[in-house]
C-alpha atoms as a PDB file:
ATOM      1  CA  MET A   1       0.000   0.000   0.000  1.00  0.00           C
ATOM      2  CA  LEU A   2       1.265   3.482  -0.864  1.00  0.00           C
ATOM      3  CA  TYR A   3       0.755   6.611   1.237  1.00  0.00           C
ATOM      4  CA  TYR A   4       1.062  10.320   0.461  1.00  0.00           C
ATOM      5  CA  ASN A   5       0.859  13.558   2.396  1.00  0.00           C
ATOM      6  CA  GLU A   6       0.514  17.156   1.203  1.00  0.00           C
ATOM      7  CA  ASN A   7       0.629  16.194  -2.479  1.00  0.00           C
ATOM      8  CA  THR A   8       3.881  14.271  -2.153  1.00  0.00           C
ATOM      9  CA  ILE A   9       4.512  11.397  -4.520  1.00  0.00           C
ATOM     10  CA  PRO A  10       3.106   8.179  -3.031  1.00  0.00           C
ATOM     11  CA  ASN A  11       5.585   5.923  -1.334  1.00  0.00           C
ATOM     12  CA  ILE A  12       5.685   2.988   1.038  1.00  0.00           C
ATOM     13  CA  LYS A  13       4.477   3.531   4.605  1.00  0.00           C
ATOM     14  CA  PRO A  14       6.753   6.066   6.295  1.00  0.00           C
ATOM     15  CA  THR A  15       8.798   4.748   9.198  1.00  0.00           C
ATOM     16  CA  ARG A  16       8.978   8.131  10.892  1.00  0.00           C
ATOM     17  CA  VAL A  17       6.499  11.036  10.911  1.00  0.00           C
ATOM     18  CA  ARG A  18       6.359  14.417  12.620  1.00  0.00           C
ATOM     19  CA  LEU A  19       3.538  15.101  15.066  1.00  0.00           C
ATOM     20  CA  PRO A  20       1.824  18.530  15.239  1.00  0.00           C
ATOM     21  CA  ASN A  21       3.815  19.356  18.415  1.00  0.00           C
ATOM     22  CA  GLY A  22       7.111  18.886  16.525  1.00  0.00           C
ATOM     23  CA  LEU A  23       8.022  15.525  17.997  1.00  0.00           C
ATOM     24  CA  THR A  24       8.406  12.488  15.784  1.00  0.00           C
ATOM     25  CA  ILE A  25       7.024   8.997  16.038  1.00  0.00           C
ATOM     26  CA  THR A  26       8.662   5.883  14.648  1.00  0.00           C
ATOM     27  CA  ASN A  27       6.726   3.139  12.849  1.00  0.00           C
ATOM     28  CA  PRO A  28       3.285   4.771  13.079  1.00  0.00           C
ATOM     29  CA  ASP A  29       0.252   2.563  12.564  1.00  0.00           C
ATOM     30  CA  GLU A  30      -2.214   3.306   9.769  1.00  0.00           C
ATOM     31  CA  GLU A  31      -4.699   4.992  12.104  1.00  0.00           C
ATOM     32  CA  THR A  32      -2.028   7.428  13.308  1.00  0.00           C
ATOM     33  CA  LEU A  33      -0.931   8.180   9.766  1.00  0.00           C
ATOM     34  CA  LEU A  34      -4.489   8.907   8.662  1.00  0.00           C
ATOM     35  CA  SER A  35      -5.092  11.125  11.705  1.00  0.00           C
ATOM     36  CA  LEU A  36      -1.980  13.133  10.761  1.00  0.00           C
ATOM     37  CA  GLY A  37      -3.320  13.856   7.268  1.00  0.00           C
ATOM     38  CA  TRP A  38      -1.652  11.039   5.384  1.00  0.00           C
ATOM     39  CA  LYS A  39      -3.786   9.384   2.749  1.00  0.00           C
ATOM     40  CA  ILE A  40      -3.777   6.016   1.066  1.00  0.00           C
ATOM     41  CA  ALA A  41      -2.953   6.397  -2.604  1.00  0.00           C
ATOM     42  CA  PRO A  42      -5.208   4.756  -5.179  1.00  0.00           C
ATOM     43  CA  PRO A  43      -3.743   1.794  -7.041  1.00  0.00           C
ATOM     44  CA  VAL A  44      -1.397   2.631  -9.896  1.00  0.00           C
ATOM     45  CA  PRO A  45      -3.259   2.073 -13.192  1.00  0.00           C
ATOM     46  CA  ASN A  46      -1.816   0.102 -16.069  1.00  0.00           C
ATOM     47  CA  ALA A  47      -0.694   2.144 -19.037  1.00  0.00           C
ATOM     48  CA  ASP A  48       0.155   0.759 -22.435  1.00  0.00           C
ATOM     49  CA  TYR A  49       3.490   1.837 -23.855  1.00  0.00           C
ATOM     50  CA  PRO A  50       4.294   4.627 -24.711  1.00  0.00           C
ATOM     51  CA  ASN A  51       1.821   6.211 -22.279  1.00  0.00           C
ATOM     52  CA  GLN A  52       3.167   7.108 -18.851  1.00  0.00           C
ATOM     53  CA  VAL A  53       1.612   7.080 -15.402  1.00  0.00           C
ATOM     54  CA  VAL A  54       2.324  10.223 -13.384  1.00  0.00           C
ATOM     55  CA  TRP A  55       1.164  11.381  -9.978  1.00  0.00           C
ATOM     56  CA  GLY A  56      -1.267  14.279 -10.270  1.00  0.00           C
ATOM     57  CA  GLY A  57      -1.213  15.334  -6.612  1.00  0.00           C
ATOM     58  CA  SER A  58      -4.146  13.241  -5.440  1.00  0.00           C
ATOM     59  CA  ASP A  59      -4.523  10.580  -8.130  1.00  0.00           C
ATOM     60  CA  TRP A  60      -2.601   8.831 -10.883  1.00  0.00           C
ATOM     61  CA  VAL A  61      -2.903  10.216 -14.408  1.00  0.00           C
ATOM     62  CA  VAL A  62      -2.166   8.310 -17.610  1.00  0.00           C
ATOM     63  CA  THR A  63      -0.592  10.652 -20.135  1.00  0.00           C
ATOM     64  CA  PRO A  64       0.395  10.075 -23.755  1.00  0.00           C
ATOM     65  CA  PRO A  65       3.788  11.289 -24.957  1.00  0.00           C
ATOM     66  CA  SER A  66       3.972  15.043 -25.500  1.00  0.00           C
ATOM     67  CA  GLU A  67       4.844  16.583 -28.853  1.00  0.00           C
ATOM     68  CA  ALA A  68       8.307  17.296 -27.421  1.00  0.00           C
ATOM     69  CA  ASP A  69       8.685  13.622 -26.390  1.00  0.00           C
ATOM     70  CA  ILE A  70       7.686  12.506 -29.886  1.00  0.00           C
ATOM     71  CA  ALA A  71      10.088  14.987 -31.517  1.00  0.00           C
ATOM     72  CA  THR A  72      12.917  13.761 -29.272  1.00  0.00           C
ATOM     73  CA  LYS A  73      12.093  10.159 -30.139  1.00  0.00           C
ATOM     74  CA  TRP A  74      12.207  10.968 -33.874  1.00  0.00           C
ATOM     75  CA  GLU A  75      15.569  12.704 -33.459  1.00  0.00           C
ATOM     76  CA  SER A  76      16.908   9.555 -31.794  1.00  0.00           C
ATOM     77  CA  ILE A  77      15.484   7.384 -34.582  1.00  0.00           C
ATOM     78  CA  LYS A  78      17.003   9.607 -37.275  1.00  0.00           C
ATOM     79  CA  ALA A  79      20.387   9.490 -35.545  1.00  0.00           C
ATOM     80  CA  THR A  80      20.172   5.690 -35.431  1.00  0.00           C
ATOM     81  CA  CYS A  81      19.282   5.577 -39.131  1.00  0.00           C
ATOM     82  CA  GLN A  82      22.266   7.774 -39.970  1.00  0.00           C
ATOM     83  CA  ARG A  83      24.570   5.626 -37.855  1.00  0.00           C
ATOM     84  CA  LYS A  84      23.316   2.398 -39.453  1.00  0.00           C
ATOM     85  CA  LEU A  85      23.681   3.876 -42.949  1.00  0.00           C
ATOM     86  CA  ALA A  86      27.212   5.028 -42.137  1.00  0.00           C
ATOM     87  CA  GLU A  87      28.048   1.514 -40.933  1.00  0.00           C
ATOM     88  CA  THR A  88      27.307   0.177 -44.436  1.00  0.00           C
ATOM     89  CA  ASP A  89      28.771   3.051 -46.474  1.00  0.00           C
ATOM     90  CA  TYR A  90      32.008   1.114 -46.811  1.00  0.00           C
ATOM     91  CA  LYS A  91      30.173  -1.654 -48.674  1.00  0.00           C
ATOM     92  CA  VAL A  92      28.712   0.781 -51.218  1.00  0.00           C
ATOM     93  CA  ILE A  93      32.028   2.588 -51.718  1.00  0.00           C
ATOM     94  CA  LYS A  94      33.835  -0.705 -52.193  1.00  0.00           C
ATOM     95  CA  ALA A  95      31.212  -1.858 -54.711  1.00  0.00           C
ATOM     96  CA  VAL A  96      31.576   1.376 -56.721  1.00  0.00           C
ATOM     97  CA  GLU A  97      35.370   1.059 -56.727  1.00  0.00           C
ATOM     98  CA  MET A  98      35.247  -2.611 -57.695  1.00  0.00           C
ATOM     99  CA  SER A  99      32.778  -1.976 -60.518  1.00  0.00           C
ATOM    100  CA  MET A 100      35.092   0.706 -61.911  1.00  0.00           C
ATOM    101  CA  LEU A 101      38.179  -1.503 -61.579  1.00  0.00           C
ATOM    102  CA  ASN A 102      36.553  -4.647 -62.959  1.00  0.00           C
ATOM    103  CA  GLY A 103      34.329  -3.044 -65.575  1.00  0.00           C
ATOM    104  CA  THR A 104      31.286  -4.577 -63.885  1.00  0.00           C
ATOM    105  CA  THR A 105      27.990  -3.055 -62.863  1.00  0.00           C
ATOM    106  CA  LEU A 106      27.220  -1.860 -59.357  1.00  0.00           C
ATOM    107  CA  GLU A 107      24.509  -4.515 -59.169  1.00  0.00           C
ATOM    108  CA  GLN A 108      27.151  -7.192 -59.726  1.00  0.00           C
ATOM    109  CA  GLU A 109      29.349  -5.868 -56.927  1.00  0.00           C
ATOM    110  CA  LEU A 110      26.832  -4.857 -54.248  1.00  0.00           C
ATOM    111  CA  PRO A 111      24.605  -7.549 -52.715  1.00  0.00           C
ATOM    112  CA  PHE A 112      20.953  -6.593 -53.183  1.00  0.00           C
ATOM    113  CA  GLU A 113      20.283  -7.123 -49.456  1.00  0.00           C
ATOM    114  CA  TYR A 114      22.410  -4.018 -48.771  1.00  0.00           C
ATOM    115  CA  VAL A 115      20.341  -1.990 -51.211  1.00  0.00           C
ATOM    116  CA  GLN A 116      17.122  -3.153 -49.544  1.00  0.00           C
ATOM    117  CA  TYR A 117      18.517  -2.600 -46.043  1.00  0.00           C
ATOM    118  CA  ARG A 118      19.694   0.918 -46.782  1.00  0.00           C
ATOM    119  CA  GLN A 119      16.416   1.828 -48.488  1.00  0.00           C
ATOM    120  CA  ALA A 120      14.459   0.562 -45.479  1.00  0.00           C
ATOM    121  CA  LEU A 121      16.594   2.775 -43.209  1.00  0.00           C
ATOM    122  CA  ARG A 122      15.936   5.796 -45.440  1.00  0.00           C
ATOM    123  CA  ASP A 123      12.205   4.989 -45.381  1.00  0.00           C
ATOM    124  CA  ILE A 124      12.267   5.033 -41.574  1.00  0.00           C
ATOM    125  CA  TYR A 125      14.320   8.249 -41.535  1.00  0.00           C
ATOM    126  CA  ASN A 126      11.839   9.942 -43.879  1.00  0.00           C
ATOM    127  CA  ASN A 127       8.851   8.418 -42.068  1.00  0.00           C
ATOM    128  CA  VAL A 128       7.504   6.776 -45.195  1.00  0.00           C
ATOM    129  CA  GLY A 129       4.140   5.260 -44.309  1.00  0.00           C
ATOM    130  CA  ASN A 130       3.563   7.544 -41.302  1.00  0.00           C
ATOM    131  CA  LEU A 131       5.336   5.295 -38.778  1.00  0.00           C
ATOM    132  CA  ASP A 132       4.728   5.360 -35.039  1.00  0.00           C
ATOM    133  CA  PRO A 133       8.088   6.332 -33.493  1.00  0.00           C
ATOM    134  CA  TYR A 134       7.426   4.126 -30.487  1.00  0.00           C
ATOM    135  CA  PHE A 135       6.971   0.977 -32.553  1.00  0.00           C
ATOM    136  CA  ILE A 136       9.775   0.886 -35.111  1.00  0.00           C
ATOM    137  CA  THR A 137      10.817  -2.440 -36.589  1.00  0.00           C
ATOM    138  CA  TRP A 138      14.380  -2.039 -37.715  1.00  0.00           C
ATOM    139  CA  PRO A 139      15.558  -3.730 -40.920  1.00  0.00           C
ATOM    140  CA  VAL A 140      18.110  -6.473 -40.464  1.00  0.00           C
ATOM    141  CA  LEU A 141      21.089  -7.633 -42.486  1.00  0.00           C
ATOM    142  CA  ALA A 142      22.082 -11.279 -42.278  1.00  0.00           C
ATOM    143  CA  GLY A 143      24.020 -11.852 -39.058  1.00  0.00           C
ATOM    144  CA  GLN A 144      22.550  -8.845 -37.251  1.00  0.00           C
ATOM    145  CA  GLU A 145      20.357  -8.949 -34.162  1.00  0.00           C
ATOM    146  CA  VAL A 146      16.693  -7.950 -34.557  1.00  0.00           C
ATOM    147  CA  THR A 147      15.742  -4.848 -32.518  1.00  0.00           C
ATOM    148  CA  THR A 148      12.573  -2.825 -32.047  1.00  0.00           C
ATOM    149  CA  ASN A 149      11.719   0.393 -30.191  1.00  0.00           C
ATOM    150  CA  GLY A 150      15.195   1.786 -30.015  1.00  0.00           C
ATOM    151  CA  ASN A 151      18.702   1.519 -31.230  1.00  0.00           C
END
């Protein structure tokens, strides 16, 4: 059970409280706490991700991400896309060099999975398909670990 007093954030039962006369009491029982103005907090509601549960002073409030939270999430996603593209730039550069040296086409030198992977990253970066930033499924190259909702 969680308790709160004077709009403090709910916490476990306090082990020490101050009495009106300035003295303190250790390990107060529930009746004493209630008589001193402490209240029992309502149960914390469940909130589906990405919603958050915050204390509103006398009750819990479920809040969706703010516009600023969403913008910050997109900035993180874009940075991840740029990093992942940079990690495969060497493959594209090598394929261009090899095609020039060997007189081959870029398609012959660069595995198509890299083309698909890089395009999928650019689609995420540009938010093609109006993606939800909290539920991103990242593209995967062979040998990579599958990740969602983050980096």
